[in-house]
PDB file of N, CA and C in Angstrom:
ATOM      1  N   MET A   1      62.342 112.186  91.468  1.00  0.00           N
ATOM      2  CA  MET A   1      62.604 111.621  90.149  1.00  0.00           C
ATOM      3  C   MET A   1      63.963 110.915  90.103  1.00  0.00           C
ATOM      4  N   ARG A   2      64.936 111.467  90.846  1.00  0.00           N
ATOM      5  CA  ARG A   2      66.265 110.860  90.770  1.00  0.00           C
ATOM      6  C   ARG A   2      66.273 109.450  91.353  1.00  0.00           C
ATOM      7  N   TRP A   3      65.440 109.201  92.376  1.00  0.00           N
ATOM      8  CA  TRP A   3      65.405 107.857  92.958  1.00  0.00           C
ATOM      9  C   TRP A   3      64.729 106.862  92.023  1.00  0.00           C
ATOM     10  N   VAL A   4      63.762 107.311  91.255  1.00  0.00           N
ATOM     11  CA  VAL A   4      63.123 106.444  90.254  1.00  0.00           C
ATOM     12  C   VAL A   4      64.136 106.084  89.178  1.00  0.00           C
ATOM     13  N   LEU A   5      64.849 107.084  88.678  1.00  0.00           N
ATOM     14  CA  LEU A   5      65.865 106.829  87.658  1.00  0.00           C
ATOM     15  C   LEU A   5      66.971 105.918  88.191  1.00  0.00           C
ATOM     16  N   LEU A   6      67.393 106.168  89.427  1.00  0.00           N
ATOM     17  CA  LEU A   6      68.425 105.328  90.026  1.00  0.00           C
ATOM     18  C   LEU A   6      67.948 103.887  90.150  1.00  0.00           C
ATOM     19  N   SER A   7      66.696 103.696  90.532  1.00  0.00           N
ATOM     20  CA  SER A   7      66.141 102.343  90.633  1.00  0.00           C
ATOM     21  C   SER A   7      66.127 101.658  89.277  1.00  0.00           C
ATOM     22  N   ILE A   8      65.771 102.390  88.245  1.00  0.00           N
ATOM     23  CA  ILE A   8      65.772 101.823  86.887  1.00  0.00           C
ATOM     24  C   ILE A   8      67.180 101.416  86.493  1.00  0.00           C
ATOM     25  N   ILE A   9      68.144 102.282  86.768  1.00  0.00           N
ATOM     26  CA  ILE A   9      69.540 101.984  86.432  1.00  0.00           C
ATOM     27  C   ILE A   9      69.994 100.713  87.139  1.00  0.00           C
ATOM     28  N   VAL A  10      69.755 100.652  88.434  1.00  0.00           N
ATOM     29  CA  VAL A  10      70.220  99.505  89.220  1.00  0.00           C
ATOM     30  C   VAL A  10      69.549  98.222  88.740  1.00  0.00           C
ATOM     31  N   LEU A  11      68.243  98.226  88.608  1.00  0.00           N
ATOM     32  CA  LEU A  11      67.535  97.009  88.195  1.00  0.00           C
ATOM     33  C   LEU A  11      67.917  96.558  86.788  1.00  0.00           C
ATOM     34  N   ALA A  12      68.014  97.505  85.864  1.00  0.00           N
ATOM     35  CA  ALA A  12      68.367  97.146  84.484  1.00  0.00           C
ATOM     36  C   ALA A  12      69.799  96.626  84.400  1.00  0.00           C
ATOM     37  N   THR A  13      70.714  97.242  85.137  1.00  0.00           N
ATOM     38  CA  THR A  13      72.108  96.795  85.111  1.00  0.00           C
ATOM     39  C   THR A  13      72.250  95.417  85.738  1.00  0.00           C
ATOM     40  N   VAL A  14      71.609  95.203  86.868  1.00  0.00           N
ATOM     41  CA  VAL A  14      71.683  93.904  87.541  1.00  0.00           C
ATOM     42  C   VAL A  14      71.104  92.816  86.644  1.00  0.00           C
ATOM     43  N   LEU A  15      69.949  93.066  86.061  1.00  0.00           N
ATOM     44  CA  LEU A  15      69.341  92.072  85.179  1.00  0.00           C
ATOM     45  C   LEU A  15      70.241  91.793  83.982  1.00  0.00           C
ATOM     46  N   SER A  16      70.801  92.833  83.405  1.00  0.00           N
ATOM     47  CA  SER A  16      71.692  92.663  82.261  1.00  0.00           C
ATOM     48  C   SER A  16      72.902  91.802  82.621  1.00  0.00           C
ATOM     49  N   ASP A  17      73.547  92.119  83.738  1.00  0.00           N
ATOM     50  CA  ASP A  17      74.743  91.370  84.128  1.00  0.00           C
ATOM     51  C   ASP A  17      74.427  89.917  84.466  1.00  0.00           C
ATOM     52  N   LEU A  18      73.306  89.680  85.124  1.00  0.00           N
ATOM     53  CA  LEU A  18      72.921  88.295  85.434  1.00  0.00           C
ATOM     54  C   LEU A  18      72.640  87.493  84.168  1.00  0.00           C
ATOM     55  N   LEU A  19      71.930  88.107  83.240  1.00  0.00           N
ATOM     56  CA  LEU A  19      71.631  87.408  81.981  1.00  0.00           C
ATOM     57  C   LEU A  19      72.907  87.127  81.186  1.00  0.00           C
ATOM     58  N   GLN A  20      73.811  88.088  81.158  1.00  0.00           N
ATOM     59  CA  GLN A  20      75.086  87.875  80.458  1.00  0.00           C
ATOM     60  C   GLN A  20      75.859  86.725  81.079  1.00  0.00           C
ATOM     61  N   SER A  21      75.969  86.743  82.384  1.00  0.00           N
ATOM     62  CA  SER A  21      76.724  85.702  83.070  1.00  0.00           C
ATOM     63  C   SER A  21      76.105  84.325  82.834  1.00  0.00           C
ATOM     64  N   TYR A  22      74.800  84.243  82.954  1.00  0.00           N
ATOM     65  CA  TYR A  22      74.100  82.976  82.745  1.00  0.00           C
ATOM     66  C   TYR A  22      74.366  82.425  81.346  1.00  0.00           C
ATOM     67  N   GLU A  23      74.180  83.255  80.338  1.00  0.00           N
ATOM     68  CA  GLU A  23      74.346  82.795  78.954  1.00  0.00           C
ATOM     69  C   GLU A  23      75.800  82.478  78.623  1.00  0.00           C
ATOM     70  N   MET A  24      76.730  83.267  79.125  1.00  0.00           N
ATOM     71  CA  MET A  24      78.122  83.017  78.782  1.00  0.00           C
ATOM     72  C   MET A  24      78.632  81.751  79.476  1.00  0.00           C
ATOM     73  N   LYS A  25      78.131  81.454  80.646  1.00  0.00           N
ATOM     74  CA  LYS A  25      78.502  80.196  81.294  1.00  0.00           C
ATOM     75  C   LYS A  25      77.917  79.012  80.537  1.00  0.00           C
ATOM     76  N   ARG A  26      76.736  79.187  79.992  1.00  0.00           N
ATOM     77  CA  ARG A  26      76.112  78.122  79.185  1.00  0.00           C
ATOM     78  C   ARG A  26      76.874  77.878  77.898  1.00  0.00           C
ATOM     79  N   SER A  27      77.446  78.930  77.322  1.00  0.00           N
ATOM     80  CA  SER A  27      78.095  78.790  76.015  1.00  0.00           C
ATOM     81  C   SER A  27      79.514  78.269  76.110  1.00  0.00           C
ATOM     82  N   GLY A  28      80.118  78.328  77.294  1.00  0.00           N
ATOM     83  CA  GLY A  28      81.495  77.857  77.437  1.00  0.00           C
ATOM     84  C   GLY A  28      82.496  78.922  77.027  1.00  0.00           C
ATOM     85  N   GLU A  29      83.754  78.567  77.149  1.00  0.00           N
ATOM     86  CA  GLU A  29      84.833  79.519  76.866  1.00  0.00           C
ATOM     87  C   GLU A  29      84.914  79.810  75.371  1.00  0.00           C
ATOM     88  N   GLN A  30      85.109  81.076  75.046  1.00  0.00           N
ATOM     89  CA  GLN A  30      85.207  81.520  73.657  1.00  0.00           C
ATOM     90  C   GLN A  30      86.596  82.111  73.415  1.00  0.00           C
ATOM     91  N   SER A  31      87.142  81.897  72.232  1.00  0.00           N
ATOM     92  CA  SER A  31      88.436  82.501  71.904  1.00  0.00           C
ATOM     93  C   SER A  31      88.220  83.941  71.431  1.00  0.00           C
ATOM     94  N   VAL A  32      89.281  84.721  71.447  1.00  0.00           N
ATOM     95  CA  VAL A  32      89.160  86.143  71.136  1.00  0.00           C
ATOM     96  C   VAL A  32      89.795  86.493  69.786  1.00  0.00           C
ATOM     97  N   ASN A  33      90.234  85.513  69.018  1.00  0.00           N
ATOM     98  CA  ASN A  33      90.794  85.818  67.700  1.00  0.00           C
ATOM     99  C   ASN A  33      89.687  86.205  66.724  1.00  0.00           C
ATOM    100  N   ALA A  34      90.046  86.454  65.462  1.00  0.00           N
ATOM    101  CA  ALA A  34      89.059  86.905  64.479  1.00  0.00           C
ATOM    102  C   ALA A  34      87.912  85.897  64.326  1.00  0.00           C
ATOM    103  N   ARG A  35      88.223  84.622  64.268  1.00  0.00           N
ATOM    104  CA  ARG A  35      87.176  83.610  64.163  1.00  0.00           C
ATOM    105  C   ARG A  35      86.313  83.583  65.412  1.00  0.00           C
ATOM    106  N   GLY A  36      86.960  83.728  66.561  1.00  0.00           N
ATOM    107  CA  GLY A  36      86.240  83.722  67.829  1.00  0.00           C
ATOM    108  C   GLY A  36      85.265  84.872  67.930  1.00  0.00           C
ATOM    109  N   LEU A  37      85.645  86.036  67.407  1.00  0.00           N
ATOM    110  CA  LEU A  37      84.745  87.190  67.431  1.00  0.00           C
ATOM    111  C   LEU A  37      83.515  86.938  66.563  1.00  0.00           C
ATOM    112  N   GLY A  38      83.721  86.299  65.431  1.00  0.00           N
ATOM    113  CA  GLY A  38      82.589  85.953  64.566  1.00  0.00           C
ATOM    114  C   GLY A  38      81.647  84.984  65.259  1.00  0.00           C
ATOM    115  N   ARG A  39      82.224  83.976  65.920  1.00  0.00           N
ATOM    116  CA  ARG A  39      81.388  83.022  66.666  1.00  0.00           C
ATOM    117  C   ARG A  39      80.652  83.730  67.797  1.00  0.00           C
ATOM    118  N   MET A  40      81.338  84.670  68.440  1.00  0.00           N
ATOM    119  CA  MET A  40      80.717  85.404  69.538  1.00  0.00           C
ATOM    120  C   MET A  40      79.530  86.217  69.022  1.00  0.00           C
ATOM    121  N   MET A  41      79.670  86.853  67.869  1.00  0.00           N
ATOM    122  CA  MET A  41      78.566  87.626  67.297  1.00  0.00           C
ATOM    123  C   MET A  41      77.380  86.715  66.969  1.00  0.00           C
ATOM    124  N   ARG A  42      77.665  85.541  66.406  1.00  0.00           N
ATOM    125  CA  ARG A  42      76.579  84.588  66.113  1.00  0.00           C
ATOM    126  C   ARG A  42      75.920  84.112  67.406  1.00  0.00           C
ATOM    127  N   LEU A  43      76.736  83.918  68.422  1.00  0.00           N
ATOM    128  CA  LEU A  43      76.208  83.503  69.719  1.00  0.00           C
ATOM    129  C   LEU A  43      75.264  84.562  70.279  1.00  0.00           C
ATOM    130  N   ILE A  44      75.663  85.822  70.185  1.00  0.00           N
ATOM    131  CA  ILE A  44      74.846  86.913  70.720  1.00  0.00           C
ATOM    132  C   ILE A  44      73.484  86.960  70.048  1.00  0.00           C
ATOM    133  N   VAL A  45      73.462  86.889  68.728  1.00  0.00           N
ATOM    134  CA  VAL A  45      72.177  87.005  68.037  1.00  0.00           C
ATOM    135  C   VAL A  45      71.328  85.741  68.147  1.00  0.00           C
ATOM    136  N   SER A  46      71.934  84.622  68.545  1.00  0.00           N
ATOM    137  CA  SER A  46      71.156  83.387  68.644  1.00  0.00           C
ATOM    138  C   SER A  46      70.630  83.124  70.057  1.00  0.00           C
ATOM    139  N   ARG A  47      71.088  83.877  71.027  1.00  0.00           N
ATOM    140  CA  ARG A  47      70.674  83.658  72.417  1.00  0.00           C
ATOM    141  C   ARG A  47      69.770  84.791  72.879  1.00  0.00           C
ATOM    142  N   LYS A  48      68.529  84.459  73.177  1.00  0.00           N
ATOM    143  CA  LYS A  48      67.557  85.490  73.533  1.00  0.00           C
ATOM    144  C   LYS A  48      67.922  86.221  74.826  1.00  0.00           C
ATOM    145  N   PHE A  49      68.535  85.527  75.776  1.00  0.00           N
ATOM    146  CA  PHE A  49      68.902  86.199  77.021  1.00  0.00           C
ATOM    147  C   PHE A  49      70.039  87.199  76.809  1.00  0.00           C
ATOM    148  N   LEU A  50      70.925  86.926  75.864  1.00  0.00           N
ATOM    149  CA  LEU A  50      71.977  87.906  75.554  1.00  0.00           C
ATOM    150  C   LEU A  50      71.379  89.141  74.885  1.00  0.00           C
ATOM    151  N   LEU A  51      70.421  88.933  74.009  1.00  0.00           N
ATOM    152  CA  LEU A  51      69.756  90.075  73.380  1.00  0.00           C
ATOM    153  C   LEU A  51      68.984  90.880  74.416  1.00  0.00           C
ATOM    154  N   LEU A  52      68.316  90.200  75.331  1.00  0.00           N
ATOM    155  CA  LEU A  52      67.611  90.889  76.406  1.00  0.00           C
ATOM    156  C   LEU A  52      68.594  91.636  77.300  1.00  0.00           C
ATOM    157  N   SER A  53      69.754  91.064  77.512  1.00  0.00           N
ATOM    158  CA  SER A  53      70.798  91.709  78.300  1.00  0.00           C
ATOM    159  C   SER A  53      71.245  93.021  77.654  1.00  0.00           C
ATOM    160  N   ILE A  54      71.407  93.006  76.360  1.00  0.00           N
ATOM    161  CA  ILE A  54      71.798  94.219  75.640  1.00  0.00           C
ATOM    162  C   ILE A  54      70.703  95.280  75.758  1.00  0.00           C
ATOM    163  N   ALA A  55      69.457  94.863  75.645  1.00  0.00           N
ATOM    164  CA  ALA A  55      68.339  95.806  75.795  1.00  0.00           C
ATOM    165  C   ALA A  55      68.321  96.408  77.204  1.00  0.00           C
ATOM    166  N   CYS A  56      68.571  95.584  78.211  1.00  0.00           N
ATOM    167  CA  CYS A  56      68.610  96.088  79.593  1.00  0.00           C
ATOM    168  C   CYS A  56      69.754  97.086  79.777  1.00  0.00           C
ATOM    169  N   MET A  57      70.899  96.808  79.171  1.00  0.00           N
ATOM    170  CA  MET A  57      72.023  97.748  79.269  1.00  0.00           C
ATOM    171  C   MET A  57      71.678  99.077  78.597  1.00  0.00           C
ATOM    172  N   ALA A  58      70.945  99.025  77.506  1.00  0.00           N
ATOM    173  CA  ALA A  58      70.526 100.269  76.840  1.00  0.00           C
ATOM    174  C   ALA A  58      69.584 101.061  77.744  1.00  0.00           C
ATOM    175  N   VAL A  59      68.656 100.374  78.391  1.00  0.00           N
ATOM    176  CA  VAL A  59      67.751 101.052  79.330  1.00  0.00           C
ATOM    177  C   VAL A  59      68.557 101.704  80.446  1.00  0.00           C
ATOM    178  N   SER A  60      69.511 100.981  80.988  1.00  0.00           N
ATOM    179  CA  SER A  60      70.360 101.507  82.053  1.00  0.00           C
ATOM    180  C   SER A  60      71.131 102.740  81.578  1.00  0.00           C
ATOM    181  N   PHE A  61      71.689 102.666  80.384  1.00  0.00           N
ATOM    182  CA  PHE A  61      72.470 103.781  79.830  1.00  0.00           C
ATOM    183  C   PHE A  61      71.615 105.042  79.681  1.00  0.00           C
ATOM    184  N   PHE A  62      70.432 104.895  79.106  1.00  0.00           N
ATOM    185  CA  PHE A  62      69.588 106.070  78.890  1.00  0.00           C
ATOM    186  C   PHE A  62      69.020 106.610  80.199  1.00  0.00           C
ATOM    187  N   ALA A  63      68.740 105.727  81.153  1.00  0.00           N
ATOM    188  CA  ALA A  63      68.302 106.190  82.471  1.00  0.00           C
ATOM    189  C   ALA A  63      69.431 106.933  83.175  1.00  0.00           C
ATOM    190  N   PHE A  64      70.658 106.478  82.998  1.00  0.00           N
ATOM    191  CA  PHE A  64      71.808 107.169  83.597  1.00  0.00           C
ATOM    192  C   PHE A  64      71.970 108.554  82.987  1.00  0.00           C
ATOM    193  N   MET A  65      71.797 108.648  81.679  1.00  0.00           N
ATOM    194  CA  MET A  65      71.877 109.969  81.033  1.00  0.00           C
ATOM    195  C   MET A  65      70.795 110.897  81.579  1.00  0.00           C
ATOM    196  N   ALA A  66      69.599 110.380  81.782  1.00  0.00           N
ATOM    197  CA  ALA A  66      68.508 111.185  82.340  1.00  0.00           C
ATOM    198  C   ALA A  66      68.812 111.575  83.787  1.00  0.00           C
ATOM    199  N   LEU A  67      69.393 110.657  84.550  1.00  0.00           N
ATOM    200  CA  LEU A  67      69.745 110.954  85.938  1.00  0.00           C
ATOM    201  C   LEU A  67      70.755 112.092  86.011  1.00  0.00           C
ATOM    202  N   LEU A  68      71.691 112.106  85.090  1.00  0.00           N
ATOM    203  CA  LEU A  68      72.700 113.173  85.091  1.00  0.00           C
ATOM    204  C   LEU A  68      72.102 114.545  84.798  1.00  0.00           C
ATOM    205  N   GLN A  69      70.915 114.584  84.246  1.00  0.00           N
ATOM    206  CA  GLN A  69      70.237 115.859  84.007  1.00  0.00           C
ATOM    207  C   GLN A  69      69.598 116.414  85.273  1.00  0.00           C
ATOM    208  N   VAL A  70      69.321 115.537  86.258  1.00  0.00           N
ATOM    209  CA  VAL A  70      68.634 115.988  87.468  1.00  0.00           C
ATOM    210  C   VAL A  70      69.449 115.814  88.740  1.00  0.00           C
ATOM    211  N   ALA A  71      70.609 115.168  88.649  1.00  0.00           N
ATOM    212  CA  ALA A  71      71.438 114.927  89.829  1.00  0.00           C
ATOM    213  C   ALA A  71      72.909 115.078  89.446  1.00  0.00           C
ATOM    214  N   PRO A  72      73.733 115.477  90.396  1.00  0.00           N
ATOM    215  CA  PRO A  72      75.162 115.617  90.093  1.00  0.00           C
ATOM    216  C   PRO A  72      75.834 114.256  89.903  1.00  0.00           C
ATOM    217  N   LEU A  73      76.897 114.249  89.140  1.00  0.00           N
ATOM    218  CA  LEU A  73      77.669 113.033  88.900  1.00  0.00           C
ATOM    219  C   LEU A  73      78.176 112.448  90.213  1.00  0.00           C
ATOM    220  N   SER A  74      78.510 113.317  91.159  1.00  0.00           N
ATOM    221  CA  SER A  74      79.022 112.859  92.452  1.00  0.00           C
ATOM    222  C   SER A  74      77.978 112.082  93.247  1.00  0.00           C
ATOM    223  N   PHE A  75      76.714 112.173  92.871  1.00  0.00           N
ATOM    224  CA  PHE A  75      75.658 111.340  93.449  1.00  0.00           C
ATOM    225  C   PHE A  75      75.406 110.118  92.561  1.00  0.00           C
ATOM    226  N   ALA A  76      75.303 110.349  91.261  1.00  0.00           N
ATOM    227  CA  ALA A  76      74.857 109.307  90.333  1.00  0.00           C
ATOM    228  C   ALA A  76      75.782 108.093  90.307  1.00  0.00           C
ATOM    229  N   VAL A  77      77.067 108.329  90.220  1.00  0.00           N
ATOM    230  CA  VAL A  77      77.992 107.198  90.098  1.00  0.00           C
ATOM    231  C   VAL A  77      78.068 106.386  91.390  1.00  0.00           C
ATOM    232  N   PRO A  78      78.317 107.019  92.547  1.00  0.00           N
ATOM    233  CA  PRO A  78      78.365 106.199  93.764  1.00  0.00           C
ATOM    234  C   PRO A  78      77.027 105.522  94.089  1.00  0.00           C
ATOM    235  N   ALA A  79      75.927 106.181  93.870  1.00  0.00           N
ATOM    236  CA  ALA A  79      74.630 105.581  94.177  1.00  0.00           C
ATOM    237  C   ALA A  79      74.345 104.383  93.272  1.00  0.00           C
ATOM    238  N   SER A  80      74.782 104.454  92.021  1.00  0.00           N
ATOM    239  CA  SER A  80      74.554 103.323  91.116  1.00  0.00           C
ATOM    240  C   SER A  80      75.422 102.121  91.481  1.00  0.00           C
ATOM    241  N   ALA A  81      76.358 102.300  92.414  1.00  0.00           N
ATOM    242  CA  ALA A  81      77.168 101.181  92.888  1.00  0.00           C
ATOM    243  C   ALA A  81      76.335 100.170  93.663  1.00  0.00           C
ATOM    244  N   ALA A  82      75.095 100.503  93.931  1.00  0.00           N
ATOM    245  CA  ALA A  82      74.196  99.535  94.573  1.00  0.00           C
ATOM    246  C   ALA A  82      74.073  98.270  93.730  1.00  0.00           C
ATOM    247  N   THR A  83      74.389  98.369  92.453  1.00  0.00           N
ATOM    248  CA  THR A  83      74.365  97.178  91.599  1.00  0.00           C
ATOM    249  C   THR A  83      75.323  96.114  92.129  1.00  0.00           C
ATOM    250  N   PHE A  84      76.453  96.532  92.693  1.00  0.00           N
ATOM    251  CA  PHE A  84      77.430  95.572  93.212  1.00  0.00           C
ATOM    252  C   PHE A  84      76.833  94.726  94.333  1.00  0.00           C
ATOM    253  N   VAL A  85      76.058  95.362  95.167  1.00  0.00           N
ATOM    254  CA  VAL A  85      75.455  94.663  96.302  1.00  0.00           C
ATOM    255  C   VAL A  85      74.439  93.636  95.806  1.00  0.00           C
ATOM    256  N   LEU A  86      73.539  94.069  94.948  1.00  0.00           N
ATOM    257  CA  LEU A  86      72.516  93.154  94.422  1.00  0.00           C
ATOM    258  C   LEU A  86      73.130  92.038  93.582  1.00  0.00           C
ATOM    259  N   GLU A  87      74.107  92.387  92.761  1.00  0.00           N
ATOM    260  CA  GLU A  87      74.727  91.372  91.913  1.00  0.00           C
ATOM    261  C   GLU A  87      75.470  90.326  92.727  1.00  0.00           C
ATOM    262  N   THR A  88      76.111  90.746  93.800  1.00  0.00           N
ATOM    263  CA  THR A  88      76.807  89.788  94.658  1.00  0.00           C
ATOM    264  C   THR A  88      75.812  88.824  95.289  1.00  0.00           C
ATOM    265  N   ALA A  89      74.720  89.345  95.811  1.00  0.00           N
ATOM    266  CA  ALA A  89      73.700  88.484  96.430  1.00  0.00           C
ATOM    267  C   ALA A  89      73.064  87.557  95.397  1.00  0.00           C
ATOM    268  N   LEU A  90      72.715  88.090  94.250  1.00  0.00           N
ATOM    269  CA  LEU A  90      72.061  87.262  93.233  1.00  0.00           C
ATOM    270  C   LEU A  90      73.023  86.245  92.610  1.00  0.00           C
ATOM    271  N   ALA A  91      74.296  86.601  92.512  1.00  0.00           N
ATOM    272  CA  ALA A  91      75.276  85.632  92.012  1.00  0.00           C
ATOM    273  C   ALA A  91      75.326  84.419  92.929  1.00  0.00           C
ATOM    274  N   LYS A  92      75.230  84.679  94.219  1.00  0.00           N
ATOM    275  CA  LYS A  92      75.257  83.577  95.194  1.00  0.00           C
ATOM    276  C   LYS A  92      73.978  82.743  95.138  1.00  0.00           C
ATOM    277  N   PHE A  93      72.835  83.400  95.130  1.00  0.00           N
ATOM    278  CA  PHE A  93      71.577  82.674  95.278  1.00  0.00           C
ATOM    279  C   PHE A  93      70.946  82.235  93.963  1.00  0.00           C
ATOM    280  N   VAL A  94      71.150  82.972  92.900  1.00  0.00           N
ATOM    281  CA  VAL A  94      70.539  82.603  91.610  1.00  0.00           C
ATOM    282  C   VAL A  94      71.513  81.806  90.752  1.00  0.00           C
ATOM    283  N   LEU A  95      72.749  82.312  90.621  1.00  0.00           N
ATOM    284  CA  LEU A  95      73.740  81.643  89.773  1.00  0.00           C
ATOM    285  C   LEU A  95      74.532  80.576  90.530  1.00  0.00           C
ATOM    286  N   LYS A  96      74.299  80.491  91.832  1.00  0.00           N
ATOM    287  CA  LYS A  96      74.961  79.489  92.687  1.00  0.00           C
ATOM    288  C   LYS A  96      76.483  79.636  92.689  1.00  0.00           C
ATOM    289  N   GLU A  97      76.963  80.874  92.630  1.00  0.00           N
ATOM    290  CA  GLU A  97      78.396  81.129  92.700  1.00  0.00           C
ATOM    291  C   GLU A  97      78.843  81.143  94.153  1.00  0.00           C
ATOM    292  N   ARG A  98      80.106  80.825  94.359  1.00  0.00           N
ATOM    293  CA  ARG A  98      80.663  80.882  95.704  1.00  0.00           C
ATOM    294  C   ARG A  98      81.067  82.327  95.987  1.00  0.00           C
ATOM    295  N   VAL A  99      80.516  82.885  97.034  1.00  0.00           N
ATOM    296  CA  VAL A  99      80.843  84.258  97.438  1.00  0.00           C
ATOM    297  C   VAL A  99      81.447  84.169  98.833  1.00  0.00           C
ATOM    298  N   GLY A 100      82.744  84.451  98.911  1.00  0.00           N
ATOM    299  CA  GLY A 100      83.445  84.332 100.178  1.00  0.00           C
ATOM    300  C   GLY A 100      83.201  85.514 101.106  1.00  0.00           C
ATOM    301  N   LYS A 101      83.832  85.433 102.258  1.00  0.00           N
ATOM    302  CA  LYS A 101      83.671  86.464 103.277  1.00  0.00           C
ATOM    303  C   LYS A 101      84.204  87.817 102.815  1.00  0.00           C
ATOM    304  N   ARG A 102      85.309  87.827 102.085  1.00  0.00           N
ATOM    305  CA  ARG A 102      85.888  89.094 101.631  1.00  0.00           C
ATOM    306  C   ARG A 102      84.977  89.800 100.640  1.00  0.00           C
ATOM    307  N   ARG A 103      84.403  89.048  99.723  1.00  0.00           N
ATOM    308  CA  ARG A 103      83.470  89.665  98.761  1.00  0.00           C
ATOM    309  C   ARG A 103      82.219  90.158  99.455  1.00  0.00           C
ATOM    310  N   THR A 104      81.736  89.385 100.398  1.00  0.00           N
ATOM    311  CA  THR A 104      80.556  89.800 101.160  1.00  0.00           C
ATOM    312  C   THR A 104      80.854  91.078 101.934  1.00  0.00           C
ATOM    313  N   ALA A 105      82.016  91.132 102.564  1.00  0.00           N
ATOM    314  CA  ALA A 105      82.405  92.334 103.313  1.00  0.00           C
ATOM    315  C   ALA A 105      82.527  93.533 102.378  1.00  0.00           C
ATOM    316  N   GLY A 106      83.100  93.321 101.212  1.00  0.00           N
ATOM    317  CA  GLY A 106      83.219  94.408 100.238  1.00  0.00           C
ATOM    318  C   GLY A 106      81.865  94.918  99.785  1.00  0.00           C
ATOM    319  N   ALA A 107      80.943  93.997  99.520  1.00  0.00           N
ATOM    320  CA  ALA A 107      79.594  94.391  99.103  1.00  0.00           C
ATOM    321  C   ALA A 107      78.896  95.162 100.217  1.00  0.00           C
ATOM    322  N   LEU A 108      79.107  94.744 101.463  1.00  0.00           N
ATOM    323  CA  LEU A 108      78.489  95.459 102.586  1.00  0.00           C
ATOM    324  C   LEU A 108      79.086  96.855 102.759  1.00  0.00           C
ATOM    325  N   LEU A 109      80.376  96.999 102.499  1.00  0.00           N
ATOM    326  CA  LEU A 109      80.991  98.333 102.542  1.00  0.00           C
ATOM    327  C   LEU A 109      80.387  99.251 101.471  1.00  0.00           C
ATOM    328  N   VAL A 110      80.183  98.700 100.283  1.00  0.00           N
ATOM    329  CA  VAL A 110      79.547  99.476  99.216  1.00  0.00           C
ATOM    330  C   VAL A 110      78.135  99.868  99.635  1.00  0.00           C
ATOM    331  N   LEU A 111      77.409  98.930 100.221  1.00  0.00           N
ATOM    332  CA  LEU A 111      76.056  99.221 100.695  1.00  0.00           C
ATOM    333  C   LEU A 111      76.077 100.360 101.710  1.00  0.00           C
ATOM    334  N   GLY A 112      77.052 100.345 102.604  1.00  0.00           N
ATOM    335  CA  GLY A 112      77.183 101.439 103.577  1.00  0.00           C
ATOM    336  C   GLY A 112      77.391 102.767 102.899  1.00  0.00           C
ATOM    337  N   GLY A 113      78.214 102.800 101.856  1.00  0.00           N
ATOM    338  CA  GLY A 113      78.429 104.038 101.113  1.00  0.00           C
ATOM    339  C   GLY A 113      77.166 104.530 100.417  1.00  0.00           C
ATOM    340  N   VAL A 114      76.415 103.600  99.844  1.00  0.00           N
ATOM    341  CA  VAL A 114      75.157 103.987  99.173  1.00  0.00           C
ATOM    342  C   VAL A 114      74.174 104.533 100.198  1.00  0.00           C
ATOM    343  N   LEU A 115      74.114 103.911 101.368  1.00  0.00           N
ATOM    344  CA  LEU A 115      73.201 104.397 102.417  1.00  0.00           C
ATOM    345  C   LEU A 115      73.617 105.788 102.908  1.00  0.00           C
ATOM    346  N   LEU A 116      74.908 106.055 102.965  1.00  0.00           N
ATOM    347  CA  LEU A 116      75.371 107.396 103.343  1.00  0.00           C
ATOM    348  C   LEU A 116      74.900 108.437 102.327  1.00  0.00           C
ATOM    349  N   LEU A 117      74.880 108.076 101.064  1.00  0.00           N
ATOM    350  CA  LEU A 117      74.409 109.006 100.018  1.00  0.00           C
ATOM    351  C   LEU A 117      72.920 109.266 100.127  1.00  0.00           C
ATOM    352  N   ALA A 118      72.189 108.306 100.650  1.00  0.00           N
ATOM    353  CA  ALA A 118      70.732 108.413 100.705  1.00  0.00           C
ATOM    354  C   ALA A 118      70.276 109.474 101.726  1.00  0.00           C
ATOM    355  N   HIS A 119      71.127 109.791 102.667  1.00  0.00           N
ATOM    356  CA  HIS A 119      70.728 110.735 103.727  1.00  0.00           C
ATOM    357  C   HIS A 119      71.167 112.137 103.426  1.00  0.00           C
TER     358      HIS A 119
END
């Protein structure tokens, strides 16, 4: 059961982060003052991918809470770091971001840690 929950967490988090990044790049830079926060709220409710992103984050959150009921925190947090690996790859191939050698090496180190937890 813990691997099913972990898979849900990873997939929901990755999808949420990709959707957020995609929509925020489309919307351009936003200011953080009081007016900017109001515009940001209007932006969130008007963009379907941002709303879907929030729903995915909620799924991830509740799956993480369920995972903590069946697995120790010392497993749950490091294992959920698999999101970093998938997000790095998808940022490069889906969002067309530049991912240098250092980021790739870092993602591979994280992958090694997740694989160590799997055994």
